[in-house]
Amino acid sequence: MDSKFDFGDAADAPTVYIREVATDTLPQDLQEQLPGITTMYAVHDAEGERLALVRDRRMAFVLARQNELQPVSVH
């Protein structure tokens, strides 16, 4: 196909990265607040700063989109 497609404003949204985080790698004070939870999902900006930490992957993507950010999964 040689026709152009308008992707809208989504391409203009800042990109954030979603990655799985083992709770045993988090600071001790956070680990104490998460009894029985082994993994969380972090939302990071392009510079690597953690913006949020949530319980599941789907919620991380929803959170990013609700804040007008473009989420990308990091493997």
N, C-alpha and C. Protein backbone atom coordinates (compact mmCIF):
# COMPACT_ATOMS: atom_id res chain seq x y z
N MET A 1 0.84 -1.17 0.00
CA MET A 1 0.00 0.00 0.00
C MET A 1 0.88 1.24 0.00
N ASP A 2 0.54 2.16 -0.85
CA ASP A 2 1.29 3.40 -0.92
C ASP A 2 0.49 4.59 -0.42
N SER A 3 -0.60 4.35 0.25
CA SER A 3 -1.41 5.47 0.74
C SER A 3 -0.97 5.86 2.15
N LYS A 4 -1.03 7.15 2.43
CA LYS A 4 -0.63 7.66 3.73
C LYS A 4 -1.77 7.47 4.72
N PHE A 5 -1.41 7.29 5.99
CA PHE A 5 -2.39 7.13 7.05
C PHE A 5 -2.11 8.16 8.12
N ASP A 6 -3.15 8.85 8.57
CA ASP A 6 -3.02 9.85 9.62
C ASP A 6 -3.16 9.15 10.97
N PHE A 7 -2.08 9.07 11.72
CA PHE A 7 -2.09 8.43 13.02
C PHE A 7 -2.58 9.37 14.12
N GLY A 8 -2.90 10.59 13.80
CA GLY A 8 -3.42 11.53 14.78
C GLY A 8 -2.35 12.05 15.71
N ASP A 9 -2.79 12.46 16.89
CA ASP A 9 -1.89 13.09 17.86
C ASP A 9 -1.08 12.10 18.68
N ALA A 10 -1.35 10.81 18.59
CA ALA A 10 -0.65 9.83 19.41
C ALA A 10 0.85 9.87 19.21
N ALA A 11 1.30 10.17 18.02
CA ALA A 11 2.73 10.22 17.74
C ALA A 11 3.41 11.38 18.46
N ASP A 12 2.63 12.40 18.84
CA ASP A 12 3.19 13.56 19.52
C ASP A 12 3.31 13.36 21.03
N ALA A 13 2.68 12.33 21.57
CA ALA A 13 2.71 12.09 23.01
C ALA A 13 4.09 11.61 23.43
N PRO A 14 4.58 12.07 24.59
CA PRO A 14 5.87 11.58 25.09
C PRO A 14 5.82 10.07 25.35
N THR A 15 6.89 9.40 25.03
CA THR A 15 6.97 7.96 25.21
C THR A 15 7.39 7.64 26.64
N VAL A 16 6.74 6.65 27.23
CA VAL A 16 7.15 6.10 28.52
C VAL A 16 7.34 4.60 28.35
N TYR A 17 8.12 4.02 29.21
CA TYR A 17 8.48 2.61 29.09
C TYR A 17 7.93 1.83 30.28
N ILE A 18 7.29 0.70 29.98
CA ILE A 18 6.69 -0.15 31.00
C ILE A 18 7.57 -1.39 31.14
N ARG A 19 7.97 -1.70 32.38
CA ARG A 19 8.76 -2.91 32.59
C ARG A 19 8.40 -3.58 33.89
N GLU A 20 8.55 -4.89 33.90
CA GLU A 20 8.29 -5.68 35.10
C GLU A 20 9.45 -5.48 36.08
N VAL A 21 9.10 -5.40 37.36
CA VAL A 21 10.10 -5.20 38.41
C VAL A 21 9.87 -6.23 39.51
N ALA A 22 10.92 -6.94 39.89
CA ALA A 22 10.82 -7.87 41.02
C ALA A 22 10.78 -7.04 42.30
N THR A 23 9.82 -7.33 43.17
CA THR A 23 9.69 -6.51 44.39
C THR A 23 10.90 -6.63 45.31
N ASP A 24 11.64 -7.72 45.21
CA ASP A 24 12.83 -7.85 46.07
C ASP A 24 13.97 -6.93 45.64
N THR A 25 13.82 -6.22 44.52
CA THR A 25 14.82 -5.25 44.09
C THR A 25 14.45 -3.82 44.51
N LEU A 26 13.27 -3.67 45.08
CA LEU A 26 12.80 -2.35 45.52
C LEU A 26 13.36 -2.01 46.90
N PRO A 27 13.37 -0.75 47.28
CA PRO A 27 13.82 -0.38 48.62
C PRO A 27 13.02 -1.11 49.70
N GLN A 28 13.66 -1.39 50.82
CA GLN A 28 13.06 -2.18 51.89
C GLN A 28 11.73 -1.60 52.38
N ASP A 29 11.63 -0.27 52.48
CA ASP A 29 10.37 0.32 52.97
C ASP A 29 9.20 0.03 52.02
N LEU A 30 9.47 -0.05 50.72
CA LEU A 30 8.43 -0.42 49.76
C LEU A 30 8.10 -1.91 49.86
N GLN A 31 9.12 -2.73 50.01
CA GLN A 31 8.90 -4.18 50.12
C GLN A 31 7.98 -4.50 51.30
N GLU A 32 8.14 -3.76 52.39
CA GLU A 32 7.33 -3.99 53.58
C GLU A 32 5.85 -3.66 53.34
N GLN A 33 5.57 -2.80 52.37
CA GLN A 33 4.21 -2.43 52.05
C GLN A 33 3.57 -3.39 51.04
N LEU A 34 4.33 -4.36 50.55
CA LEU A 34 3.87 -5.26 49.50
C LEU A 34 3.98 -6.73 49.92
N PRO A 35 3.43 -7.11 51.07
CA PRO A 35 3.57 -8.51 51.50
C PRO A 35 2.90 -9.47 50.51
N GLY A 36 3.63 -10.51 50.13
CA GLY A 36 3.10 -11.53 49.24
C GLY A 36 3.12 -11.17 47.76
N ILE A 37 3.55 -9.97 47.42
CA ILE A 37 3.61 -9.55 46.02
C ILE A 37 5.04 -9.71 45.53
N THR A 38 5.23 -10.45 44.43
CA THR A 38 6.58 -10.72 43.94
C THR A 38 6.98 -9.84 42.77
N THR A 39 5.99 -9.32 42.01
CA THR A 39 6.31 -8.45 40.88
C THR A 39 5.38 -7.25 40.82
N MET A 40 5.90 -6.17 40.29
CA MET A 40 5.14 -4.94 40.05
C MET A 40 5.52 -4.49 38.64
N TYR A 41 4.88 -3.43 38.17
CA TYR A 41 5.22 -2.86 36.86
C TYR A 41 5.54 -1.39 37.04
N ALA A 42 6.67 -0.98 36.48
CA ALA A 42 7.13 0.39 36.60
C ALA A 42 6.92 1.13 35.28
N VAL A 43 6.60 2.41 35.41
CA VAL A 43 6.48 3.32 34.26
C VAL A 43 7.67 4.27 34.36
N HIS A 44 8.51 4.28 33.31
CA HIS A 44 9.72 5.10 33.29
C HIS A 44 9.66 6.11 32.15
N ASP A 45 10.24 7.28 32.37
CA ASP A 45 10.34 8.25 31.26
C ASP A 45 11.56 7.92 30.41
N ALA A 46 11.79 8.72 29.38
CA ALA A 46 12.88 8.46 28.43
C ALA A 46 14.26 8.53 29.08
N GLU A 47 14.39 9.24 30.20
CA GLU A 47 15.67 9.34 30.90
C GLU A 47 15.86 8.21 31.91
N GLY A 48 14.85 7.37 32.09
CA GLY A 48 14.94 6.24 33.01
C GLY A 48 14.38 6.49 34.39
N GLU A 49 13.86 7.68 34.64
CA GLU A 49 13.28 7.99 35.95
C GLU A 49 11.96 7.24 36.12
N ARG A 50 11.79 6.59 37.26
CA ARG A 50 10.55 5.87 37.54
C ARG A 50 9.47 6.89 37.88
N LEU A 51 8.39 6.86 37.11
CA LEU A 51 7.28 7.78 37.32
C LEU A 51 6.17 7.15 38.17
N ALA A 52 6.01 5.85 38.05
CA ALA A 52 4.95 5.16 38.79
C ALA A 52 5.29 3.70 38.95
N LEU A 53 4.67 3.09 39.93
CA LEU A 53 4.83 1.67 40.20
C LEU A 53 3.43 1.13 40.49
N VAL A 54 2.98 0.17 39.68
CA VAL A 54 1.62 -0.35 39.81
C VAL A 54 1.63 -1.87 39.86
N ARG A 55 0.51 -2.44 40.27
CA ARG A 55 0.40 -3.87 40.50
C ARG A 55 0.42 -4.71 39.23
N ASP A 56 -0.25 -4.27 38.16
CA ASP A 56 -0.28 -5.11 36.97
C ASP A 56 0.04 -4.33 35.69
N ARG A 57 0.40 -5.08 34.67
CA ARG A 57 0.86 -4.51 33.40
C ARG A 57 -0.24 -3.68 32.73
N ARG A 58 -1.44 -4.21 32.72
CA ARG A 58 -2.56 -3.51 32.08
C ARG A 58 -2.76 -2.14 32.72
N MET A 59 -2.70 -2.10 34.05
CA MET A 59 -2.89 -0.84 34.76
C MET A 59 -1.78 0.16 34.41
N ALA A 60 -0.57 -0.31 34.20
CA ALA A 60 0.54 0.58 33.82
C ALA A 60 0.25 1.25 32.48
N PHE A 61 -0.27 0.48 31.53
CA PHE A 61 -0.60 1.04 30.22
C PHE A 61 -1.77 2.02 30.32
N VAL A 62 -2.78 1.67 31.09
CA VAL A 62 -3.93 2.56 31.28
C VAL A 62 -3.49 3.86 31.93
N LEU A 63 -2.68 3.76 32.97
CA LEU A 63 -2.18 4.94 33.67
C LEU A 63 -1.42 5.87 32.72
N ALA A 64 -0.56 5.30 31.90
CA ALA A 64 0.21 6.10 30.95
C ALA A 64 -0.72 6.82 29.97
N ARG A 65 -1.65 6.09 29.40
CA ARG A 65 -2.57 6.69 28.41
C ARG A 65 -3.46 7.75 29.03
N GLN A 66 -3.90 7.55 30.28
CA GLN A 66 -4.73 8.55 30.94
C GLN A 66 -3.97 9.84 31.20
N ASN A 67 -2.66 9.75 31.21
CA ASN A 67 -1.82 10.94 31.41
C ASN A 67 -1.21 11.43 30.10
N GLU A 68 -1.84 11.04 28.98
CA GLU A 68 -1.45 11.48 27.66
C GLU A 68 0.00 11.14 27.30
N LEU A 69 0.41 9.92 27.73
CA LEU A 69 1.73 9.40 27.43
C LEU A 69 1.58 8.20 26.52
N GLN A 70 2.60 7.91 25.74
CA GLN A 70 2.58 6.78 24.81
C GLN A 70 3.40 5.63 25.41
N PRO A 71 2.75 4.59 25.97
CA PRO A 71 3.48 3.50 26.61
C PRO A 71 4.08 2.51 25.62
N VAL A 72 5.27 2.02 25.96
CA VAL A 72 5.97 1.00 25.18
C VAL A 72 6.49 -0.03 26.16
N SER A 73 6.32 -1.30 25.83
CA SER A 73 6.79 -2.37 26.69
C SER A 73 8.29 -2.57 26.54
N VAL A 74 8.97 -2.76 27.66
CA VAL A 74 10.40 -3.05 27.65
C VAL A 74 10.56 -4.52 28.03
N HIS A 75 11.31 -5.26 27.23
CA HIS A 75 11.47 -6.69 27.49
C HIS A 75 12.77 -6.96 28.18
